[in-house]
N, C-alpha and C. Protein backbone atom coordinates (compact mmCIF):
# COMPACT_ATOMS: atom_id res chain seq x y z
N MET A 1 0.01 -22.72 3.95
CA MET A 1 -0.35 -23.02 5.47
C MET A 1 -0.96 -21.60 5.98
N TRP A 2 -2.10 -21.47 6.89
CA TRP A 2 -2.65 -20.49 7.33
C TRP A 2 -2.19 -20.63 8.91
N TYR A 3 -1.96 -19.60 9.60
CA TYR A 3 -1.64 -19.52 11.16
C TYR A 3 -2.54 -18.17 11.72
N PRO A 4 -3.25 -18.53 12.69
CA PRO A 4 -4.02 -17.57 13.24
C PRO A 4 -3.19 -16.40 14.09
N ILE A 5 -3.40 -15.22 13.71
CA ILE A 5 -2.77 -14.21 14.34
C ILE A 5 -3.76 -13.16 14.61
N GLN A 6 -3.98 -12.63 15.67
CA GLN A 6 -4.56 -11.36 16.11
C GLN A 6 -3.98 -10.28 15.93
N LEU A 7 -4.00 -9.55 14.86
CA LEU A 7 -3.37 -8.18 14.97
C LEU A 7 -3.61 -7.09 15.72
N VAL A 8 -4.90 -7.05 16.16
CA VAL A 8 -5.29 -6.19 16.91
C VAL A 8 -6.13 -6.78 18.17
N PRO A 9 -5.40 -7.33 19.11
CA PRO A 9 -6.07 -8.16 20.26
C PRO A 9 -7.01 -7.30 21.05
N ASP A 10 -6.66 -6.08 21.19
CA ASP A 10 -7.42 -5.16 22.14
C ASP A 10 -8.74 -4.71 21.81
N VAL A 11 -9.09 -5.19 20.55
CA VAL A 11 -10.58 -4.74 20.02
C VAL A 11 -11.78 -5.42 20.97
N PRO A 12 -12.65 -4.67 21.47
CA PRO A 12 -13.62 -5.21 22.32
C PRO A 12 -14.36 -6.33 21.53
N GLU A 13 -14.91 -7.37 22.60
CA GLU A 13 -15.61 -8.27 21.99
C GLU A 13 -16.75 -8.25 20.91
N GLN A 14 -17.12 -6.85 21.01
CA GLN A 14 -18.17 -6.67 20.11
C GLN A 14 -17.88 -5.62 19.05
N GLY A 15 -16.64 -5.64 18.77
CA GLY A 15 -15.98 -5.07 17.76
C GLY A 15 -16.04 -3.45 17.95
N LEU A 16 -15.61 -2.68 16.79
CA LEU A 16 -15.49 -1.24 16.82
C LEU A 16 -16.17 -0.79 15.54
N PRO A 17 -16.60 0.33 15.24
CA PRO A 17 -17.11 0.98 14.13
C PRO A 17 -15.96 1.07 13.05
N PHE A 18 -16.07 0.46 11.96
CA PHE A 18 -15.14 0.13 11.03
C PHE A 18 -14.38 1.50 10.55
N ALA A 19 -15.22 2.47 10.11
CA ALA A 19 -14.61 3.73 9.54
C ALA A 19 -13.79 4.48 10.58
N GLU A 20 -14.33 4.69 12.01
CA GLU A 20 -13.79 5.39 12.95
C GLU A 20 -12.61 4.66 13.32
N PHE A 21 -12.32 3.42 13.52
CA PHE A 21 -11.33 2.46 13.56
C PHE A 21 -10.11 2.82 12.60
N TYR A 22 -10.45 2.65 11.58
CA TYR A 22 -9.40 2.84 10.47
C TYR A 22 -9.04 4.34 10.36
N GLU A 23 -9.84 5.28 10.80
CA GLU A 23 -9.29 6.63 10.49
C GLU A 23 -8.45 6.97 11.70
N ARG A 24 -8.76 6.62 12.88
CA ARG A 24 -7.86 6.64 14.06
C ARG A 24 -6.57 5.84 13.68
N ARG A 25 -6.65 4.78 13.35
CA ARG A 25 -5.40 4.00 13.20
C ARG A 25 -4.48 4.58 12.01
N LEU A 26 -5.05 5.23 10.93
CA LEU A 26 -4.34 5.65 9.90
C LEU A 26 -3.95 7.13 9.94
N GLY A 27 -4.93 7.87 10.61
CA GLY A 27 -4.62 9.28 10.95
C GLY A 27 -5.50 10.29 10.04
N SER A 28 -6.12 9.90 8.94
CA SER A 28 -6.94 10.80 8.36
C SER A 28 -7.81 9.84 7.24
N PRO A 29 -8.88 10.59 7.06
CA PRO A 29 -9.78 9.95 6.07
C PRO A 29 -9.13 9.72 4.54
N GLU A 30 -8.25 10.75 4.30
CA GLU A 30 -7.58 10.44 2.93
C GLU A 30 -6.41 9.28 3.11
N ALA A 31 -5.93 9.08 4.36
CA ALA A 31 -4.94 7.86 4.44
C ALA A 31 -5.69 6.73 4.32
N VAL A 32 -7.10 6.47 5.03
CA VAL A 32 -7.96 5.38 4.70
C VAL A 32 -8.28 5.15 3.38
N ARG A 33 -8.80 6.30 2.64
CA ARG A 33 -8.91 6.11 1.10
C ARG A 33 -8.00 5.38 0.45
N ARG A 34 -6.50 5.85 0.73
CA ARG A 34 -5.44 5.43 -0.17
C ARG A 34 -5.22 3.89 0.30
N ARG A 35 -5.36 3.48 1.72
CA ARG A 35 -5.02 2.25 1.96
C ARG A 35 -6.32 1.35 1.35
N GLN A 36 -7.30 1.86 1.30
CA GLN A 36 -8.48 0.97 0.79
C GLN A 36 -8.20 0.75 -0.81
N ARG A 37 -7.83 1.79 -1.41
CA ARG A 37 -7.50 1.76 -2.79
C ARG A 37 -6.54 0.76 -2.99
N GLN A 38 -5.51 0.59 -2.22
CA GLN A 38 -4.18 -0.14 -2.25
C GLN A 38 -4.65 -1.63 -2.24
N VAL A 39 -5.71 -2.03 -1.25
CA VAL A 39 -6.17 -3.36 -0.77
C VAL A 39 -6.99 -3.72 -2.08
N ALA A 40 -8.00 -2.64 -2.71
CA ALA A 40 -8.79 -3.03 -3.46
C ALA A 40 -7.93 -3.36 -4.88
N GLN A 41 -7.09 -2.68 -5.11
CA GLN A 41 -6.09 -2.83 -6.29
C GLN A 41 -5.29 -4.30 -6.17
N ALA A 42 -4.95 -4.67 -5.08
CA ALA A 42 -4.09 -5.68 -4.69
C ALA A 42 -5.12 -7.01 -5.13
N ALA A 43 -6.56 -6.88 -4.51
CA ALA A 43 -7.45 -7.84 -4.57
C ALA A 43 -7.83 -8.09 -6.15
N ASP A 44 -8.24 -6.93 -6.72
CA ASP A 44 -8.51 -6.89 -8.08
C ASP A 44 -7.43 -7.78 -9.01
N GLY A 45 -6.22 -7.42 -8.70
CA GLY A 45 -5.14 -8.00 -9.47
C GLY A 45 -5.00 -9.55 -9.08
N ALA A 46 -5.48 -9.89 -8.10
CA ALA A 46 -5.54 -11.33 -7.72
C ALA A 46 -6.88 -12.03 -7.99
N GLY A 47 -7.61 -11.04 -8.70
CA GLY A 47 -8.86 -11.89 -9.14
C GLY A 47 -10.07 -11.97 -8.23
N LEU A 48 -9.86 -11.16 -7.08
CA LEU A 48 -10.73 -11.14 -6.03
C LEU A 48 -11.80 -9.95 -5.92
N ASP A 49 -12.96 -10.21 -5.74
CA ASP A 49 -14.04 -9.20 -5.49
C ASP A 49 -14.15 -8.87 -4.16
N ILE A 50 -13.94 -7.76 -3.67
CA ILE A 50 -14.24 -7.08 -2.36
C ILE A 50 -14.98 -5.95 -2.38
N ASP A 51 -15.55 -5.78 -1.28
CA ASP A 51 -16.37 -4.46 -1.18
C ASP A 51 -16.18 -3.99 0.30
N LEU A 52 -15.24 -3.11 0.47
CA LEU A 52 -14.91 -2.58 1.71
C LEU A 52 -15.89 -1.58 2.05
N ALA A 53 -16.75 -1.20 1.28
CA ALA A 53 -17.80 -0.06 1.78
C ALA A 53 -18.95 -0.74 2.44
N ARG A 54 -19.00 -2.04 2.37
CA ARG A 54 -20.16 -2.85 3.16
C ARG A 54 -19.68 -3.16 4.67
N ILE A 55 -18.58 -2.83 4.80
CA ILE A 55 -17.99 -3.37 6.30
C ILE A 55 -18.37 -2.32 7.10
N GLU A 56 -19.15 -2.61 8.24
CA GLU A 56 -19.55 -1.53 9.27
C GLU A 56 -18.86 -1.82 10.74
N ARG A 57 -18.50 -2.91 10.86
CA ARG A 57 -17.77 -3.42 12.18
C ARG A 57 -16.21 -3.82 11.95
N PHE A 58 -15.36 -3.31 12.55
CA PHE A 58 -13.97 -3.95 12.64
C PHE A 58 -14.10 -4.97 13.77
N PRO A 59 -13.99 -6.32 13.55
CA PRO A 59 -14.52 -7.26 14.43
C PRO A 59 -13.41 -7.62 15.32
N ASN A 60 -13.56 -8.30 16.58
CA ASN A 60 -12.56 -8.99 17.50
C ASN A 60 -12.72 -10.48 16.60
N THR A 61 -11.45 -10.86 16.04
CA THR A 61 -11.61 -11.99 15.30
C THR A 61 -11.39 -13.35 16.33
N ALA A 62 -11.40 -13.34 17.50
CA ALA A 62 -10.86 -14.46 18.42
C ALA A 62 -11.96 -15.60 18.21
N ARG A 63 -13.40 -15.20 18.12
CA ARG A 63 -14.17 -16.42 17.82
C ARG A 63 -14.04 -16.92 16.50
N ALA A 64 -13.81 -16.09 15.44
CA ALA A 64 -13.54 -16.64 14.17
C ALA A 64 -12.28 -17.56 14.10
N HIS A 65 -11.40 -17.08 14.82
CA HIS A 65 -10.31 -18.06 14.95
C HIS A 65 -10.37 -19.32 15.80
N GLY A 66 -11.26 -19.27 16.73
CA GLY A 66 -11.67 -20.49 17.51
C GLY A 66 -12.37 -21.34 16.44
N LEU A 67 -13.49 -20.79 15.90
CA LEU A 67 -14.08 -21.75 14.91
C LEU A 67 -13.20 -22.51 13.74
N LEU A 68 -12.30 -21.73 13.34
CA LEU A 68 -11.49 -22.39 12.40
C LEU A 68 -10.57 -23.36 13.00
N ARG A 69 -10.12 -23.16 14.21
CA ARG A 69 -9.29 -24.13 14.74
C ARG A 69 -10.20 -25.57 15.21
N ARG A 70 -11.39 -25.13 15.73
CA ARG A 70 -12.38 -26.30 15.74
C ARG A 70 -12.65 -27.08 14.40
N VAL A 71 -12.91 -26.36 13.47
CA VAL A 71 -12.95 -27.14 12.20
C VAL A 71 -11.98 -27.72 11.78
N ALA A 72 -10.67 -27.27 11.90
CA ALA A 72 -9.56 -27.91 11.58
C ALA A 72 -9.39 -29.27 12.45
N ARG A 73 -9.72 -29.16 13.53
CA ARG A 73 -9.67 -30.50 14.46
C ARG A 73 -10.60 -31.58 13.92
N LEU A 74 -11.60 -31.19 13.01
CA LEU A 74 -12.54 -32.30 12.39
C LEU A 74 -11.72 -33.16 11.44
N GLY A 75 -10.51 -32.68 11.10
CA GLY A 75 -9.67 -33.66 10.22
C GLY A 75 -10.08 -33.73 8.75
N GLU A 76 -10.81 -32.45 8.31
CA GLU A 76 -11.34 -32.67 6.90
C GLU A 76 -10.70 -31.31 6.16
N PRO A 77 -9.75 -31.41 5.48
CA PRO A 77 -8.97 -30.17 5.10
C PRO A 77 -9.98 -29.52 4.10
N GLU A 78 -10.83 -30.25 3.41
CA GLU A 78 -11.65 -29.31 2.30
C GLU A 78 -12.60 -28.65 3.19
N LEU A 79 -13.16 -29.10 4.37
CA LEU A 79 -14.16 -28.28 5.02
C LEU A 79 -13.31 -27.28 5.61
N HIS A 80 -12.16 -27.27 6.24
CA HIS A 80 -11.44 -26.28 6.77
C HIS A 80 -11.29 -25.07 5.66
N GLU A 81 -10.92 -25.42 4.51
CA GLU A 81 -10.61 -24.50 3.37
C GLU A 81 -12.06 -23.70 3.13
N ALA A 82 -13.06 -24.62 3.07
CA ALA A 82 -14.43 -23.88 2.71
C ALA A 82 -14.69 -22.92 3.87
N MET A 83 -14.54 -23.26 5.02
CA MET A 83 -14.89 -22.51 6.15
C MET A 83 -14.09 -21.13 6.19
N LEU A 84 -12.68 -21.19 5.79
CA LEU A 84 -11.83 -20.16 5.69
C LEU A 84 -12.30 -19.18 4.57
N GLU A 85 -12.67 -19.77 3.30
CA GLU A 85 -13.20 -19.15 2.16
C GLU A 85 -14.42 -18.46 2.52
N ARG A 86 -15.28 -19.01 3.25
CA ARG A 86 -16.66 -18.51 3.43
C ARG A 86 -16.44 -17.31 4.60
N LEU A 87 -15.42 -17.31 5.46
CA LEU A 87 -15.33 -16.21 6.27
C LEU A 87 -14.70 -15.11 5.70
N PHE A 88 -13.62 -15.22 4.86
CA PHE A 88 -13.29 -14.16 3.88
C PHE A 88 -14.29 -13.51 3.08
N ALA A 89 -15.20 -14.41 2.53
CA ALA A 89 -16.36 -13.83 1.67
C ALA A 89 -17.25 -12.95 2.58
N ALA A 90 -17.78 -13.57 3.65
CA ALA A 90 -18.67 -12.88 4.57
C ALA A 90 -17.97 -11.53 4.91
N TYR A 91 -16.88 -11.32 5.13
CA TYR A 91 -16.37 -10.08 5.80
C TYR A 91 -16.09 -9.25 4.48
N PHE A 92 -15.16 -9.70 3.62
CA PHE A 92 -14.62 -8.64 2.75
C PHE A 92 -15.62 -8.41 1.40
N GLN A 93 -16.54 -9.34 1.30
CA GLN A 93 -17.54 -9.17 0.20
C GLN A 93 -18.94 -8.72 0.62
N ARG A 94 -19.26 -9.36 1.76
CA ARG A 94 -20.78 -9.13 2.20
C ARG A 94 -20.76 -8.08 3.40
N GLY A 95 -19.61 -7.97 4.12
CA GLY A 95 -19.60 -6.85 5.16
C GLY A 95 -20.23 -7.40 6.53
N GLU A 96 -20.25 -8.69 6.77
CA GLU A 96 -20.74 -9.27 7.72
C GLU A 96 -19.73 -9.33 8.93
N ASP A 97 -20.32 -9.39 10.06
CA ASP A 97 -19.50 -9.18 11.34
C ASP A 97 -18.94 -10.81 11.76
N ILE A 98 -17.86 -11.10 11.56
CA ILE A 98 -17.24 -12.35 11.79
C ILE A 98 -16.72 -12.48 13.31
N GLY A 99 -17.14 -11.42 13.99
CA GLY A 99 -16.72 -11.42 15.40
C GLY A 99 -18.18 -11.97 16.29
N ASP A 100 -19.29 -12.02 15.55
CA ASP A 100 -20.62 -12.18 16.12
C ASP A 100 -20.73 -13.64 16.33
N ALA A 101 -21.19 -14.29 17.33
CA ALA A 101 -21.18 -15.80 17.58
C ALA A 101 -22.37 -16.45 16.63
N ALA A 102 -23.40 -15.63 16.44
CA ALA A 102 -24.63 -16.21 15.68
C ALA A 102 -24.34 -16.07 14.19
N THR A 103 -23.57 -15.32 13.73
CA THR A 103 -23.22 -15.19 12.37
C THR A 103 -22.14 -16.32 11.97
N LEU A 104 -21.37 -16.58 12.87
CA LEU A 104 -20.37 -17.80 12.76
C LEU A 104 -20.99 -19.03 12.69
N GLN A 105 -21.96 -19.45 13.38
CA GLN A 105 -22.66 -20.46 13.38
C GLN A 105 -23.42 -20.55 12.20
N ARG A 106 -24.07 -19.52 11.70
CA ARG A 106 -24.73 -19.64 10.41
C ARG A 106 -23.72 -19.94 9.29
N LEU A 107 -22.62 -19.19 9.23
CA LEU A 107 -21.44 -19.53 8.21
C LEU A 107 -21.05 -20.81 8.34
N ALA A 108 -20.73 -21.45 9.39
CA ALA A 108 -20.45 -22.93 9.54
C ALA A 108 -21.45 -23.70 9.01
N GLY A 109 -22.72 -23.48 9.20
CA GLY A 109 -23.76 -24.24 8.67
C GLY A 109 -23.88 -24.20 7.24
N GLU A 110 -23.68 -23.15 6.49
CA GLU A 110 -23.49 -23.01 5.23
C GLU A 110 -22.56 -23.70 4.41
N VAL A 111 -21.39 -24.06 5.07
CA VAL A 111 -20.30 -24.91 4.48
C VAL A 111 -20.44 -26.33 4.86
N GLY A 112 -21.49 -26.50 5.88
CA GLY A 112 -21.69 -28.09 6.11
C GLY A 112 -20.95 -28.62 7.47
N VAL A 113 -20.82 -27.56 8.06
CA VAL A 113 -19.93 -27.99 9.48
C VAL A 113 -21.05 -28.52 10.34
N PRO A 114 -21.09 -29.69 10.85
CA PRO A 114 -22.04 -30.24 11.89
C PRO A 114 -22.33 -29.33 13.17
N PRO A 115 -23.32 -28.55 13.37
CA PRO A 115 -23.19 -27.71 14.55
C PRO A 115 -22.69 -28.47 15.97
N GLU A 116 -23.01 -29.69 16.30
CA GLU A 116 -22.78 -30.26 17.38
C GLU A 116 -21.19 -30.49 17.48
N ARG A 117 -20.42 -30.48 16.34
CA ARG A 117 -18.83 -30.71 16.30
C ARG A 117 -18.07 -29.38 16.71
N ILE A 118 -18.99 -28.24 16.73
CA ILE A 118 -18.13 -27.15 16.94
C ILE A 118 -18.89 -26.00 18.16
N ALA A 119 -19.56 -26.80 18.76
CA ALA A 119 -20.28 -26.21 20.02
C ALA A 119 -19.05 -25.38 20.90
N GLY A 120 -19.25 -24.31 21.23
CA GLY A 120 -18.41 -23.61 22.27
C GLY A 120 -16.88 -23.27 21.41
N ALA A 121 -16.91 -23.12 19.94
CA ALA A 121 -15.77 -22.90 19.18
C ALA A 121 -15.18 -21.56 19.58
N GLY A 122 -15.80 -20.58 19.96
CA GLY A 122 -15.15 -19.37 20.33
C GLY A 122 -14.77 -19.25 21.83
N ALA A 123 -15.31 -20.16 22.45
CA ALA A 123 -14.90 -19.89 24.07
C ALA A 123 -13.32 -19.97 24.31
N GLY A 124 -12.83 -19.18 24.92
CA GLY A 124 -11.54 -19.07 25.30
C GLY A 124 -10.52 -18.78 24.12
N ALA A 125 -11.03 -18.50 22.88
CA ALA A 125 -10.40 -18.52 21.93
C ALA A 125 -9.15 -17.56 21.87
N ALA A 126 -9.40 -16.23 22.55
CA ALA A 126 -8.39 -15.41 22.35
C ALA A 126 -7.24 -15.69 23.28
N ALA A 127 -7.47 -16.33 24.61
CA ALA A 127 -6.27 -16.75 25.17
C ALA A 127 -5.32 -17.85 24.17
N GLU A 128 -5.89 -18.53 23.30
CA GLU A 128 -5.02 -19.48 22.60
C GLU A 128 -4.38 -18.71 21.37
N LEU A 129 -4.66 -17.60 21.07
CA LEU A 129 -4.08 -16.88 19.90
C LEU A 129 -2.73 -16.30 20.09
N PRO A 130 -1.88 -16.42 19.28
CA PRO A 130 -0.66 -15.81 19.42
C PRO A 130 -0.97 -14.15 18.77
N VAL A 131 -0.22 -13.35 19.45
CA VAL A 131 -0.34 -11.99 19.07
C VAL A 131 0.69 -11.60 18.07
N GLY A 132 0.38 -10.82 17.16
CA GLY A 132 1.17 -10.40 15.92
C GLY A 132 1.88 -9.51 16.22
N ARG A 133 2.85 -9.62 17.03
CA ARG A 133 3.75 -8.49 17.62
C ARG A 133 4.92 -8.06 16.28
N ALA A 134 5.17 -9.17 15.77
CA ALA A 134 6.27 -8.84 14.64
C ALA A 134 5.63 -8.85 13.25
N ILE A 135 4.33 -8.94 13.09
CA ILE A 135 3.69 -9.15 11.93
C ILE A 135 2.86 -7.59 11.86
N THR A 136 3.07 -6.89 10.66
CA THR A 136 2.54 -5.38 10.73
C THR A 136 1.45 -5.34 9.89
N GLY A 137 1.14 -6.37 9.08
CA GLY A 137 -0.04 -6.33 8.34
C GLY A 137 -0.22 -7.76 7.61
N VAL A 138 -1.60 -7.83 7.18
CA VAL A 138 -2.06 -8.89 6.47
C VAL A 138 -2.46 -8.93 5.00
N PRO A 139 -2.14 -9.74 4.22
CA PRO A 139 -1.50 -11.12 4.54
C PRO A 139 -0.23 -10.73 4.92
N HIS A 140 0.51 -11.89 5.58
CA HIS A 140 1.85 -11.84 5.80
C HIS A 140 2.39 -13.24 5.26
N PHE A 141 3.24 -13.04 4.48
CA PHE A 141 4.15 -14.13 3.72
C PHE A 141 5.47 -14.35 4.45
N MET A 142 5.79 -15.48 4.66
CA MET A 142 7.11 -15.95 5.13
C MET A 142 7.60 -16.92 3.83
N PHE A 143 8.74 -16.62 3.31
CA PHE A 143 9.28 -17.29 2.11
C PHE A 143 10.62 -18.06 2.42
N ASN A 144 10.58 -19.43 2.40
CA ASN A 144 11.71 -20.22 2.64
C ASN A 144 12.30 -19.80 4.09
N GLN A 145 11.27 -19.58 4.92
CA GLN A 145 11.86 -19.37 6.39
C GLN A 145 12.90 -18.06 6.32
N ARG A 146 13.10 -17.31 5.30
CA ARG A 146 14.19 -16.42 5.21
C ARG A 146 13.82 -14.84 5.11
N LEU A 147 12.69 -14.65 4.43
CA LEU A 147 12.38 -13.24 3.98
C LEU A 147 10.81 -13.24 4.27
N ALA A 148 10.37 -12.22 4.69
CA ALA A 148 8.92 -11.91 5.05
C ALA A 148 8.55 -10.56 4.37
N LEU A 149 7.21 -10.71 3.85
CA LEU A 149 6.44 -9.62 3.32
C LEU A 149 5.09 -9.29 4.16
N SER A 150 4.72 -8.30 4.24
CA SER A 150 3.36 -8.08 4.94
C SER A 150 2.52 -7.11 4.16
N GLY A 151 1.26 -7.45 4.25
CA GLY A 151 0.25 -6.29 3.58
C GLY A 151 0.02 -6.75 2.14
N ALA A 152 -0.80 -5.99 1.46
CA ALA A 152 -1.18 -6.30 0.12
C ALA A 152 0.09 -6.00 -0.90
N GLN A 153 0.44 -7.06 -1.70
CA GLN A 153 1.38 -6.89 -2.50
C GLN A 153 1.11 -7.24 -3.98
N ASP A 154 1.75 -6.82 -4.95
CA ASP A 154 1.39 -7.10 -6.41
C ASP A 154 2.40 -8.35 -6.63
N ALA A 155 1.78 -9.17 -7.67
CA ALA A 155 2.50 -10.38 -8.04
C ALA A 155 3.95 -10.33 -8.34
N ASP A 156 4.34 -9.33 -9.05
CA ASP A 156 5.90 -9.07 -9.34
C ASP A 156 6.70 -8.81 -8.04
N THR A 157 6.09 -8.18 -6.92
CA THR A 157 6.76 -7.98 -5.49
C THR A 157 6.99 -9.41 -4.92
N LEU A 158 5.70 -10.12 -5.10
CA LEU A 158 5.93 -11.52 -4.44
C LEU A 158 6.96 -12.53 -5.11
N VAL A 159 6.85 -12.44 -6.30
CA VAL A 159 7.67 -13.30 -7.19
C VAL A 159 9.33 -12.86 -6.91
N ALA A 160 9.44 -11.66 -6.94
CA ALA A 160 10.92 -11.12 -6.63
C ALA A 160 11.48 -11.48 -5.26
N THR A 161 10.45 -11.40 -4.26
CA THR A 161 10.85 -11.87 -2.89
C THR A 161 11.12 -13.41 -2.83
N MET A 162 10.31 -14.17 -3.52
CA MET A 162 10.68 -15.58 -3.45
C MET A 162 11.95 -15.74 -3.98
N ARG A 163 12.09 -15.22 -5.30
CA ARG A 163 13.58 -15.35 -5.74
C ARG A 163 14.68 -15.11 -4.77
N ARG A 164 14.53 -13.80 -4.14
CA ARG A 164 15.31 -13.50 -3.26
C ARG A 164 15.60 -14.37 -2.18
N ALA A 165 14.54 -15.10 -1.51
CA ALA A 165 14.53 -16.09 -0.54
C ALA A 165 15.07 -17.17 -0.95
N MET A 166 15.14 -17.61 -2.32
CA MET A 166 16.04 -18.78 -2.54
C MET A 166 17.40 -18.67 -2.36
N LEU A 167 17.97 -17.31 -2.58
CA LEU A 167 19.34 -17.00 -2.47
C LEU A 167 19.80 -16.37 -1.30
N ALA A 168 18.92 -16.11 -0.35
CA ALA A 168 19.41 -15.42 0.87
C ALA A 168 19.87 -16.54 2.03
N PRO A 169 20.75 -15.90 2.61
CA PRO A 169 21.28 -16.60 3.78
C PRO A 169 20.23 -17.36 4.61
N ALA A 170 20.48 -18.23 5.46
CA ALA A 170 19.64 -19.03 6.33
C ALA A 170 18.92 -18.34 7.54
N THR A 171 19.36 -17.09 7.66
CA THR A 171 18.64 -16.29 8.75
C THR A 171 17.51 -15.71 8.35
N THR A 172 16.48 -15.63 9.20
CA THR A 172 15.08 -14.93 8.93
C THR A 172 15.36 -13.47 8.96
N GLY A 173 14.72 -12.69 7.95
CA GLY A 173 14.86 -11.39 8.16
C GLY A 173 13.52 -10.78 7.38
N SER A 174 13.58 -9.43 7.18
CA SER A 174 12.29 -8.93 6.42
C SER A 174 12.81 -8.41 4.93
N ALA A 175 11.78 -8.43 4.13
CA ALA A 175 11.99 -7.86 2.81
C ALA A 175 11.69 -6.36 2.70
């Protein structure tokens, strides 16, 4: 199940330059390269093609979350899944700005979302989103409501954490 979390809610509505944002956040160009290699390796291990070099803007994702919420309310799980996959591909493969309202309308049309059913999808979206205070990275996995992992992880780490979660006490903690 997917839950909307805005990890960096203070990003301006128009987004920020991607390279500058990550260098400021991680401290150096080398730290950015290491993180991008880690993410690319995890994606490759999962059979996903990503192209971080194409991303120019770090978006404010409130509108994208609002669109997904509106699509979910249509009650068609396949359409919601298609919209989610299209958003991921737009950002991570094609470098599109998923914070831009016109881009989101176009993407919704590409997966067959009726435009009249999502009018105003981004309006007030930021106010409805929980802020990811306890979540330190994405993806964020919660196993059996007992153990959590954040960030790109290899399959062995995920499986080991799942096994630990099956044996862990009923209190929630971090892996």
